[in-house]
Amino acid sequence: MSNIAIFQTGGKQYRVKTGDVIKVEKLNADGTVEFDQVLMLDDKIGAPFVDGARVIAQVVEQKRGDKVLVFKKKRRQNYRRTHGHRQYITVLKITEIKG
């Protein structure tokens, strides 16, 4: 059984072990999700991916993240703009790492 894996999804990389709960970009999935783009598994480093490695996760919930405020200002021009944004995220619980 593997302890640590690094996989990628949504253009980002995540370091996980069994039992971790992580937030990733929105996935259109319910139930179980399987990731096959595993970059590193314990001491095995892929080129670019480790052959046959899988990270299996359970979808906990689909929600929106915290609000990110974008503030623009130009000094001495009386120009100020505020814009808010909330990204959709998926919360995952890592159930198994297969090597």
PDB file of N, CA and C in Angstrom:
ATOM      1  N   MET A   1       0.845  -1.191   0.000  1.00  0.00           N
ATOM      2  CA  MET A   1       0.000   0.000   0.000  1.00  0.00           C
ATOM      3  C   MET A   1       0.883   1.246   0.000  1.00  0.00           C
ATOM      4  N   SER A   2       0.540   2.189  -0.853  1.00  0.00           N
ATOM      5  CA  SER A   2       1.340   3.394  -1.010  1.00  0.00           C
ATOM      6  C   SER A   2       0.941   4.443   0.020  1.00  0.00           C
ATOM      7  N   ASN A   3       1.907   5.239   0.419  1.00  0.00           N
ATOM      8  CA  ASN A   3       1.654   6.252   1.428  1.00  0.00           C
ATOM      9  C   ASN A   3       1.388   7.629   0.840  1.00  0.00           C
ATOM     10  N   ILE A   4       2.224   8.074  -0.087  1.00  0.00           N
ATOM     11  CA  ILE A   4       2.140   9.437  -0.601  1.00  0.00           C
ATOM     12  C   ILE A   4       2.118   9.414  -2.121  1.00  0.00           C
ATOM     13  N   ALA A   5       1.260  10.264  -2.688  1.00  0.00           N
ATOM     14  CA  ALA A   5       1.200  10.391  -4.143  1.00  0.00           C
ATOM     15  C   ALA A   5       1.046  11.861  -4.504  1.00  0.00           C
ATOM     16  N   ILE A   6       1.550  12.221  -5.673  1.00  0.00           N
ATOM     17  CA  ILE A   6       1.349  13.553  -6.230  1.00  0.00           C
ATOM     18  C   ILE A   6       0.650  13.353  -7.567  1.00  0.00           C
ATOM     19  N   PHE A   7      -0.551  13.959  -7.704  1.00  0.00           N
ATOM     20  CA  PHE A   7      -1.289  13.836  -8.955  1.00  0.00           C
ATOM     21  C   PHE A   7      -1.721  15.218  -9.402  1.00  0.00           C
ATOM     22  N   GLN A   8      -2.171  15.294 -10.664  1.00  0.00           N
ATOM     23  CA  GLN A   8      -2.600  16.587 -11.161  1.00  0.00           C
ATOM     24  C   GLN A   8      -4.021  16.511 -11.697  1.00  0.00           C
ATOM     25  N   THR A   9      -4.756  17.591 -11.462  1.00  0.00           N
ATOM     26  CA  THR A   9      -6.096  17.769 -12.003  1.00  0.00           C
ATOM     27  C   THR A   9      -6.391  19.261 -12.044  1.00  0.00           C
ATOM     28  N   GLY A  10      -7.069  19.686 -13.078  1.00  0.00           N
ATOM     29  CA  GLY A  10      -7.419  21.099 -13.192  1.00  0.00           C
ATOM     30  C   GLY A  10      -6.218  22.004 -13.330  1.00  0.00           C
ATOM     31  N   GLY A  11      -5.106  21.490 -13.862  1.00  0.00           N
ATOM     32  CA  GLY A  11      -3.911  22.297 -14.050  1.00  0.00           C
ATOM     33  C   GLY A  11      -3.105  22.528 -12.787  1.00  0.00           C
ATOM     34  N   LYS A  12      -3.468  21.851 -11.696  1.00  0.00           N
ATOM     35  CA  LYS A  12      -2.733  21.997 -10.436  1.00  0.00           C
ATOM     36  C   LYS A  12      -2.293  20.628  -9.948  1.00  0.00           C
ATOM     37  N   GLN A  13      -1.288  20.625  -9.084  1.00  0.00           N
ATOM     38  CA  GLN A  13      -0.764  19.377  -8.535  1.00  0.00           C
ATOM     39  C   GLN A  13      -1.063  19.310  -7.042  1.00  0.00           C
ATOM     40  N   TYR A  14      -1.399  18.104  -6.576  1.00  0.00           N
ATOM     41  CA  TYR A  14      -1.775  17.906  -5.178  1.00  0.00           C
ATOM     42  C   TYR A  14      -0.974  16.752  -4.588  1.00  0.00           C
ATOM     43  N   ARG A  15      -0.449  16.958  -3.386  1.00  0.00           N
ATOM     44  CA  ARG A  15       0.271  15.914  -2.645  1.00  0.00           C
ATOM     45  C   ARG A  15      -0.697  15.339  -1.633  1.00  0.00           C
ATOM     46  N   VAL A  16      -0.980  14.036  -1.733  1.00  0.00           N
ATOM     47  CA  VAL A  16      -2.018  13.435  -0.899  1.00  0.00           C
ATOM     48  C   VAL A  16      -1.542  12.111  -0.312  1.00  0.00           C
ATOM     49  N   LYS A  17      -2.237  11.701   0.734  1.00  0.00           N
ATOM     50  CA  LYS A  17      -2.099  10.357   1.277  1.00  0.00           C
ATOM     51  C   LYS A  17      -3.500   9.866   1.616  1.00  0.00           C
ATOM     52  N   THR A  18      -3.662   8.606   1.888  1.00  0.00           N
ATOM     53  CA  THR A  18      -4.963   8.034   2.142  1.00  0.00           C
ATOM     54  C   THR A  18      -5.615   8.699   3.356  1.00  0.00           C
ATOM     55  N   GLY A  19      -6.873   9.120   3.189  1.00  0.00           N
ATOM     56  CA  GLY A  19      -7.612   9.774   4.267  1.00  0.00           C
ATOM     57  C   GLY A  19      -7.627  11.286   4.187  1.00  0.00           C
ATOM     58  N   ASP A  20      -6.815  11.881   3.315  1.00  0.00           N
ATOM     59  CA  ASP A  20      -6.792  13.342   3.183  1.00  0.00           C
ATOM     60  C   ASP A  20      -8.084  13.864   2.561  1.00  0.00           C
ATOM     61  N   VAL A  21      -8.479  15.080   2.941  1.00  0.00           N
ATOM     62  CA  VAL A  21      -9.611  15.779   2.336  1.00  0.00           C
ATOM     63  C   VAL A  21      -9.042  17.008   1.643  1.00  0.00           C
ATOM     64  N   ILE A  22      -9.279  17.128   0.322  1.00  0.00           N
ATOM     65  CA  ILE A  22      -8.719  18.235  -0.451  1.00  0.00           C
ATOM     66  C   ILE A  22      -9.819  18.934  -1.234  1.00  0.00           C
ATOM     67  N   LYS A  23      -9.541  20.183  -1.636  1.00  0.00           N
ATOM     68  CA  LYS A  23     -10.447  20.962  -2.474  1.00  0.00           C
ATOM     69  C   LYS A  23      -9.785  21.135  -3.833  1.00  0.00           C
ATOM     70  N   VAL A  24     -10.497  20.736  -4.892  1.00  0.00           N
ATOM     71  CA  VAL A  24      -9.981  20.858  -6.255  1.00  0.00           C
ATOM     72  C   VAL A  24     -10.977  21.665  -7.083  1.00  0.00           C
ATOM     73  N   GLU A  25     -10.554  22.051  -8.294  1.00  0.00           N
ATOM     74  CA  GLU A  25     -11.470  22.735  -9.185  1.00  0.00           C
ATOM     75  C   GLU A  25     -12.638  21.824  -9.505  1.00  0.00           C
ATOM     76  N   LYS A  26     -13.774  22.421  -9.852  1.00  0.00           N
ATOM     77  CA  LYS A  26     -15.018  21.674 -10.033  1.00  0.00           C
ATOM     78  C   LYS A  26     -14.866  20.508 -10.999  1.00  0.00           C
ATOM     79  N   LEU A  27     -15.329  19.339 -10.544  1.00  0.00           N
ATOM     80  CA  LEU A  27     -15.385  18.140 -11.363  1.00  0.00           C
ATOM     81  C   LEU A  27     -16.850  17.765 -11.552  1.00  0.00           C
ATOM     82  N   ASN A  28     -17.224  17.387 -12.757  1.00  0.00           N
ATOM     83  CA  ASN A  28     -18.594  16.940 -13.010  1.00  0.00           C
ATOM     84  C   ASN A  28     -18.681  15.467 -12.678  1.00  0.00           C
ATOM     85  N   ALA A  29     -18.759  15.158 -11.391  1.00  0.00           N
ATOM     86  CA  ALA A  29     -18.776  13.772 -10.941  1.00  0.00           C
ATOM     87  C   ALA A  29     -19.500  13.662  -9.617  1.00  0.00           C
ATOM     88  N   ASP A  30     -20.093  12.501  -9.405  1.00  0.00           N
ATOM     89  CA  ASP A  30     -20.689  12.140  -8.125  1.00  0.00           C
ATOM     90  C   ASP A  30     -20.147  10.777  -7.737  1.00  0.00           C
ATOM     91  N   GLY A  31     -20.103  10.487  -6.456  1.00  0.00           N
ATOM     92  CA  GLY A  31     -19.630   9.171  -6.014  1.00  0.00           C
ATOM     93  C   GLY A  31     -18.124   9.095  -5.985  1.00  0.00           C
ATOM     94  N   THR A  32     -17.563   8.241  -6.845  1.00  0.00           N
ATOM     95  CA  THR A  32     -16.123   7.972  -6.838  1.00  0.00           C
ATOM     96  C   THR A  32     -15.452   8.573  -8.069  1.00  0.00           C
ATOM     97  N   VAL A  33     -14.253   9.121  -7.873  1.00  0.00           N
ATOM     98  CA  VAL A  33     -13.458   9.692  -8.954  1.00  0.00           C
ATOM     99  C   VAL A  33     -12.104   9.005  -8.955  1.00  0.00           C
ATOM    100  N   GLU A  34     -11.580   8.724 -10.148  1.00  0.00           N
ATOM    101  CA  GLU A  34     -10.276   8.064 -10.269  1.00  0.00           C
ATOM    102  C   GLU A  34      -9.347   8.944 -11.099  1.00  0.00           C
ATOM    103  N   PHE A  35      -8.163   9.213 -10.580  1.00  0.00           N
ATOM    104  CA  PHE A  35      -7.169  10.031 -11.270  1.00  0.00           C
ATOM    105  C   PHE A  35      -6.025   9.132 -11.708  1.00  0.00           C
ATOM    106  N   ASP A  36      -5.660   9.228 -12.994  1.00  0.00           N
ATOM    107  CA  ASP A  36      -4.567   8.397 -13.495  1.00  0.00           C
ATOM    108  C   ASP A  36      -3.319   9.207 -13.838  1.00  0.00           C
ATOM    109  N   GLN A  37      -3.377  10.528 -13.689  1.00  0.00           N
ATOM    110  CA  GLN A  37      -2.214  11.370 -13.955  1.00  0.00           C
ATOM    111  C   GLN A  37      -1.403  11.532 -12.673  1.00  0.00           C
ATOM    112  N   VAL A  38      -0.763  10.439 -12.261  1.00  0.00           N
ATOM    113  CA  VAL A  38       0.025  10.417 -11.033  1.00  0.00           C
ATOM    114  C   VAL A  38       1.475  10.714 -11.400  1.00  0.00           C
ATOM    115  N   LEU A  39       2.020  11.787 -10.836  1.00  0.00           N
ATOM    116  CA  LEU A  39       3.379  12.222 -11.152  1.00  0.00           C
ATOM    117  C   LEU A  39       4.424  11.523 -10.297  1.00  0.00           C
ATOM    118  N   MET A  40       4.058  11.219  -9.038  1.00  0.00           N
ATOM    119  CA  MET A  40       4.999  10.573  -8.130  1.00  0.00           C
ATOM    120  C   MET A  40       4.227   9.679  -7.175  1.00  0.00           C
ATOM    121  N   LEU A  41       4.809   8.514  -6.894  1.00  0.00           N
ATOM    122  CA  LEU A  41       4.178   7.555  -5.998  1.00  0.00           C
ATOM    123  C   LEU A  41       5.272   7.007  -5.096  1.00  0.00           C
ATOM    124  N   ASP A  42       5.260   7.410  -3.812  1.00  0.00           N
ATOM    125  CA  ASP A  42       6.325   7.078  -2.862  1.00  0.00           C
ATOM    126  C   ASP A  42       7.676   7.463  -3.435  1.00  0.00           C
ATOM    127  N   ASP A  43       8.504   6.497  -3.839  1.00  0.00           N
ATOM    128  CA  ASP A  43       9.834   6.817  -4.372  1.00  0.00           C
ATOM    129  C   ASP A  43       9.907   6.681  -5.887  1.00  0.00           C
ATOM    130  N   LYS A  44       8.795   6.333  -6.544  1.00  0.00           N
ATOM    131  CA  LYS A  44       8.760   6.231  -8.003  1.00  0.00           C
ATOM    132  C   LYS A  44       8.392   7.580  -8.598  1.00  0.00           C
ATOM    133  N   ILE A  45       9.212   8.058  -9.526  1.00  0.00           N
ATOM    134  CA  ILE A  45       8.949   9.311 -10.213  1.00  0.00           C
ATOM    135  C   ILE A  45       8.642   8.990 -11.659  1.00  0.00           C
ATOM    136  N   GLY A  46       7.514   9.507 -12.150  1.00  0.00           N
ATOM    137  CA  GLY A  46       7.089   9.233 -13.510  1.00  0.00           C
ATOM    138  C   GLY A  46       7.774  10.113 -14.521  1.00  0.00           C
ATOM    139  N   ALA A  47       7.620   9.691 -15.816  1.00  0.00           N
ATOM    140  CA  ALA A  47       8.188  10.473 -16.897  1.00  0.00           C
ATOM    141  C   ALA A  47       7.173  10.565 -18.030  1.00  0.00           C
ATOM    142  N   PRO A  48       6.143  11.366 -18.014  1.00  0.00           N
ATOM    143  CA  PRO A  48       5.766  12.273 -16.931  1.00  0.00           C
ATOM    144  C   PRO A  48       4.888  11.618 -15.869  1.00  0.00           C
ATOM    145  N   PHE A  49       4.230  10.469 -16.199  1.00  0.00           N
ATOM    146  CA  PHE A  49       3.334   9.837 -15.229  1.00  0.00           C
ATOM    147  C   PHE A  49       3.839   8.454 -14.853  1.00  0.00           C
ATOM    148  N   VAL A  50       3.481   7.985 -13.660  1.00  0.00           N
ATOM    149  CA  VAL A  50       3.833   6.647 -13.196  1.00  0.00           C
ATOM    150  C   VAL A  50       2.863   5.657 -13.841  1.00  0.00           C
ATOM    151  N   ASP A  51       3.393   4.637 -14.513  1.00  0.00           N
ATOM    152  CA  ASP A  51       2.551   3.659 -15.205  1.00  0.00           C
ATOM    153  C   ASP A  51       1.732   2.844 -14.211  1.00  0.00           C
ATOM    154  N   GLY A  52       0.428   2.750 -14.469  1.00  0.00           N
ATOM    155  CA  GLY A  52      -0.451   1.918 -13.660  1.00  0.00           C
ATOM    156  C   GLY A  52      -0.848   2.495 -12.311  1.00  0.00           C
ATOM    157  N   ALA A  53      -0.401   3.687 -12.000  1.00  0.00           N
ATOM    158  CA  ALA A  53      -0.727   4.288 -10.696  1.00  0.00           C
ATOM    159  C   ALA A  53      -2.078   4.984 -10.776  1.00  0.00           C
ATOM    160  N   ARG A  54      -2.848   4.881  -9.699  1.00  0.00           N
ATOM    161  CA  ARG A  54      -4.177   5.487  -9.630  1.00  0.00           C
ATOM    162  C   ARG A  54      -4.399   6.086  -8.236  1.00  0.00           C
ATOM    163  N   VAL A  55      -5.099   7.205  -8.202  1.00  0.00           N
ATOM    164  CA  VAL A  55      -5.563   7.794  -6.946  1.00  0.00           C
ATOM    165  C   VAL A  55      -7.083   7.779  -7.006  1.00  0.00           C
ATOM    166  N   ILE A  56      -7.704   7.128  -6.038  1.00  0.00           N
ATOM    167  CA  ILE A  56      -9.158   6.994  -6.005  1.00  0.00           C
ATOM    168  C   ILE A  56      -9.696   7.848  -4.864  1.00  0.00           C
ATOM    169  N   ALA A  57     -10.722   8.663  -5.186  1.00  0.00           N
ATOM    170  CA  ALA A  57     -11.277   9.593  -4.196  1.00  0.00           C
ATOM    171  C   ALA A  57     -12.796   9.536  -4.210  1.00  0.00           C
ATOM    172  N   GLN A  58     -13.368   9.888  -3.071  1.00  0.00           N
ATOM    173  CA  GLN A  58     -14.825   9.959  -2.905  1.00  0.00           C
ATOM    174  C   GLN A  58     -15.230  11.426  -2.904  1.00  0.00           C
ATOM    175  N   VAL A  59     -16.256  11.785  -3.686  1.00  0.00           N
ATOM    176  CA  VAL A  59     -16.744  13.160  -3.715  1.00  0.00           C
ATOM    177  C   VAL A  59     -17.551  13.408  -2.440  1.00  0.00           C
ATOM    178  N   VAL A  60     -17.093  14.374  -1.628  1.00  0.00           N
ATOM    179  CA  VAL A  60     -17.776  14.711  -0.386  1.00  0.00           C
ATOM    180  C   VAL A  60     -18.887  15.718  -0.664  1.00  0.00           C
ATOM    181  N   GLU A  61     -18.552  16.808  -1.394  1.00  0.00           N
ATOM    182  CA  GLU A  61     -19.569  17.802  -1.738  1.00  0.00           C
ATOM    183  C   GLU A  61     -19.099  18.681  -2.885  1.00  0.00           C
ATOM    184  N   GLN A  62     -20.075  19.301  -3.540  1.00  0.00           N
ATOM    185  CA  GLN A  62     -19.825  20.311  -4.559  1.00  0.00           C
ATOM    186  C   GLN A  62     -20.260  21.643  -3.945  1.00  0.00           C
ATOM    187  N   LYS A  63     -19.382  22.643  -3.972  1.00  0.00           N
ATOM    188  CA  LYS A  63     -19.740  23.926  -3.374  1.00  0.00           C
ATOM    189  C   LYS A  63     -18.955  25.044  -4.037  1.00  0.00           C
ATOM    190  N   ARG A  64     -19.096  26.239  -3.494  1.00  0.00           N
ATOM    191  CA  ARG A  64     -18.343  27.384  -3.986  1.00  0.00           C
ATOM    192  C   ARG A  64     -17.345  27.807  -2.923  1.00  0.00           C
ATOM    193  N   GLY A  65     -16.185  28.243  -3.369  1.00  0.00           N
ATOM    194  CA  GLY A  65     -15.129  28.634  -2.451  1.00  0.00           C
ATOM    195  C   GLY A  65     -15.367  30.012  -1.867  1.00  0.00           C
ATOM    196  N   ASP A  66     -14.388  30.493  -1.115  1.00  0.00           N
ATOM    197  CA  ASP A  66     -14.454  31.822  -0.518  1.00  0.00           C
ATOM    198  C   ASP A  66     -14.395  32.897  -1.599  1.00  0.00           C
ATOM    199  N   LYS A  67     -14.968  34.056  -1.281  1.00  0.00           N
ATOM    200  CA  LYS A  67     -14.971  35.150  -2.235  1.00  0.00           C
ATOM    201  C   LYS A  67     -13.574  35.757  -2.356  1.00  0.00           C
ATOM    202  N   VAL A  68     -13.181  36.016  -3.597  1.00  0.00           N
ATOM    203  CA  VAL A  68     -11.926  36.686  -3.891  1.00  0.00           C
ATOM    204  C   VAL A  68     -12.270  38.074  -4.392  1.00  0.00           C
ATOM    205  N   LEU A  69     -11.755  39.107  -3.724  1.00  0.00           N
ATOM    206  CA  LEU A  69     -12.025  40.481  -4.129  1.00  0.00           C
ATOM    207  C   LEU A  69     -10.900  41.003  -5.008  1.00  0.00           C
ATOM    208  N   VAL A  70     -11.294  41.613  -6.125  1.00  0.00           N
ATOM    209  CA  VAL A  70     -10.340  42.235  -7.043  1.00  0.00           C
ATOM    210  C   VAL A  70     -10.583  43.733  -6.978  1.00  0.00           C
ATOM    211  N   PHE A  71      -9.564  44.502  -6.604  1.00  0.00           N
ATOM    212  CA  PHE A  71      -9.700  45.948  -6.446  1.00  0.00           C
ATOM    213  C   PHE A  71      -8.705  46.637  -7.359  1.00  0.00           C
ATOM    214  N   LYS A  72      -9.227  47.529  -8.218  1.00  0.00           N
ATOM    215  CA  LYS A  72      -8.373  48.291  -9.128  1.00  0.00           C
ATOM    216  C   LYS A  72      -8.431  49.758  -8.733  1.00  0.00           C
ATOM    217  N   LYS A  73      -7.302  50.435  -8.832  1.00  0.00           N
ATOM    218  CA  LYS A  73      -7.260  51.857  -8.489  1.00  0.00           C
ATOM    219  C   LYS A  73      -6.171  52.534  -9.300  1.00  0.00           C
ATOM    220  N   LYS A  74      -6.478  53.747  -9.751  1.00  0.00           N
ATOM    221  CA  LYS A  74      -5.463  54.591 -10.377  1.00  0.00           C
ATOM    222  C   LYS A  74      -5.376  55.855  -9.541  1.00  0.00           C
ATOM    223  N   ARG A  75      -4.212  56.122  -9.032  1.00  0.00           N
ATOM    224  CA  ARG A  75      -4.076  57.241  -8.109  1.00  0.00           C
ATOM    225  C   ARG A  75      -4.331  58.573  -8.800  1.00  0.00           C
ATOM    226  N   ARG A  76      -4.902  59.459  -8.029  1.00  0.00           N
ATOM    227  CA  ARG A  76      -5.214  60.836  -8.445  1.00  0.00           C
ATOM    228  C   ARG A  76      -6.180  60.925  -9.633  1.00  0.00           C
ATOM    229  N   GLN A  77      -6.837  59.835 -10.004  1.00  0.00           N
ATOM    230  CA  GLN A  77      -7.763  59.867 -11.136  1.00  0.00           C
ATOM    231  C   GLN A  77      -9.205  59.619 -10.701  1.00  0.00           C
ATOM    232  N   ASN A  78      -9.434  59.439  -9.405  1.00  0.00           N
ATOM    233  CA  ASN A  78     -10.752  59.100  -8.871  1.00  0.00           C
ATOM    234  C   ASN A  78     -11.308  57.843  -9.566  1.00  0.00           C
ATOM    235  N   TYR A  79     -10.442  56.871  -9.773  1.00  0.00           N
ATOM    236  CA  TYR A  79     -10.824  55.619 -10.435  1.00  0.00           C
ATOM    237  C   TYR A  79     -10.661  54.464  -9.448  1.00  0.00           C
ATOM    238  N   ARG A  80     -11.782  53.851  -9.095  1.00  0.00           N
ATOM    239  CA  ARG A  80     -11.763  52.690  -8.203  1.00  0.00           C
ATOM    240  C   ARG A  80     -12.814  51.699  -8.679  1.00  0.00           C
ATOM    241  N   ARG A  81     -12.447  50.423  -8.772  1.00  0.00           N
ATOM    242  CA  ARG A  81     -13.380  49.379  -9.167  1.00  0.00           C
ATOM    243  C   ARG A  81     -13.176  48.182  -8.254  1.00  0.00           C
ATOM    244  N   THR A  82     -14.276  47.631  -7.749  1.00  0.00           N
ATOM    245  CA  THR A  82     -14.214  46.424  -6.930  1.00  0.00           C
ATOM    246  C   THR A  82     -15.056  45.356  -7.612  1.00  0.00           C
ATOM    247  N   HIS A  83     -14.490  44.172  -7.697  1.00  0.00           N
ATOM    248  CA  HIS A  83     -15.183  43.056  -8.336  1.00  0.00           C
ATOM    249  C   HIS A  83     -14.967  41.812  -7.485  1.00  0.00           C
ATOM    250  N   GLY A  84     -16.020  41.039  -7.242  1.00  0.00           N
ATOM    251  CA  GLY A  84     -15.919  39.823  -6.450  1.00  0.00           C
ATOM    252  C   GLY A  84     -16.124  38.591  -7.308  1.00  0.00           C
ATOM    253  N   HIS A  85     -15.594  37.460  -6.833  1.00  0.00           N
ATOM    254  CA  HIS A  85     -15.675  36.217  -7.602  1.00  0.00           C
ATOM    255  C   HIS A  85     -15.626  35.028  -6.644  1.00  0.00           C
ATOM    256  N   ARG A  86     -16.492  34.037  -6.861  1.00  0.00           N
ATOM    257  CA  ARG A  86     -16.465  32.797  -6.074  1.00  0.00           C
ATOM    258  C   ARG A  86     -16.342  31.628  -7.032  1.00  0.00           C
ATOM    259  N   GLN A  87     -15.280  30.864  -6.891  1.00  0.00           N
ATOM    260  CA  GLN A  87     -15.002  29.735  -7.780  1.00  0.00           C
ATOM    261  C   GLN A  87     -15.744  28.495  -7.301  1.00  0.00           C
ATOM    262  N   TYR A  88     -16.257  27.698  -8.238  1.00  0.00           N
ATOM    263  CA  TYR A  88     -16.870  26.414  -7.896  1.00  0.00           C
ATOM    264  C   TYR A  88     -15.775  25.408  -7.581  1.00  0.00           C
ATOM    265  N   ILE A  89     -15.938  24.641  -6.490  1.00  0.00           N
ATOM    266  CA  ILE A  89     -14.934  23.652  -6.094  1.00  0.00           C
ATOM    267  C   ILE A  89     -15.620  22.330  -5.755  1.00  0.00           C
ATOM    268  N   THR A  90     -14.830  21.280  -5.775  1.00  0.00           N
ATOM    269  CA  THR A  90     -15.272  19.953  -5.381  1.00  0.00           C
ATOM    270  C   THR A  90     -14.406  19.506  -4.212  1.00  0.00           C
ATOM    271  N   VAL A  91     -15.027  19.038  -3.147  1.00  0.00           N
ATOM    272  CA  VAL A  91     -14.299  18.539  -1.979  1.00  0.00           C
ATOM    273  C   VAL A  91     -14.180  17.027  -2.118  1.00  0.00           C
ATOM    274  N   LEU A  92     -12.938  16.518  -2.046  1.00  0.00           N
ATOM    275  CA  LEU A  92     -12.666  15.096  -2.229  1.00  0.00           C
ATOM    276  C   LEU A  92     -12.032  14.502  -0.987  1.00  0.00           C
ATOM    277  N   LYS A  93     -12.363  13.245  -0.707  1.00  0.00           N
ATOM    278  CA  LYS A  93     -11.678  12.479   0.344  1.00  0.00           C
ATOM    279  C   LYS A  93     -10.944  11.338  -0.352  1.00  0.00           C
ATOM    280  N   ILE A  94      -9.623  11.275  -0.144  1.00  0.00           N
ATOM    281  CA  ILE A  94      -8.795  10.246  -0.782  1.00  0.00           C
ATOM    282  C   ILE A  94      -9.047   8.920  -0.070  1.00  0.00           C
ATOM    283  N   THR A  95      -9.532   7.931  -0.820  1.00  0.00           N
ATOM    284  CA  THR A  95      -9.860   6.636  -0.210  1.00  0.00           C
ATOM    285  C   THR A  95      -8.782   5.586  -0.451  1.00  0.00           C
ATOM    286  N   GLU A  96      -8.110   5.677  -1.616  1.00  0.00           N
ATOM    287  CA  GLU A  96      -7.136   4.619  -1.924  1.00  0.00           C
ATOM    288  C   GLU A  96      -6.109   5.141  -2.909  1.00  0.00           C
ATOM    289  N   ILE A  97      -4.888   4.668  -2.761  1.00  0.00           N
ATOM    290  CA  ILE A  97      -3.803   4.966  -3.703  1.00  0.00           C
ATOM    291  C   ILE A  97      -3.256   3.633  -4.186  1.00  0.00           C
ATOM    292  N   LYS A  98      -3.382   3.391  -5.501  1.00  0.00           N
ATOM    293  CA  LYS A  98      -2.927   2.131  -6.077  1.00  0.00           C
ATOM    294  C   LYS A  98      -1.630   2.362  -6.844  1.00  0.00           C
ATOM    295  N   GLY A  99      -0.724   1.428  -6.712  1.00  0.00           N
ATOM    296  CA  GLY A  99       0.546   1.551  -7.411  1.00  0.00           C
ATOM    297  C   GLY A  99       0.685   0.441  -8.344  1.00  0.00           C
TER     298      GLY A  99
END
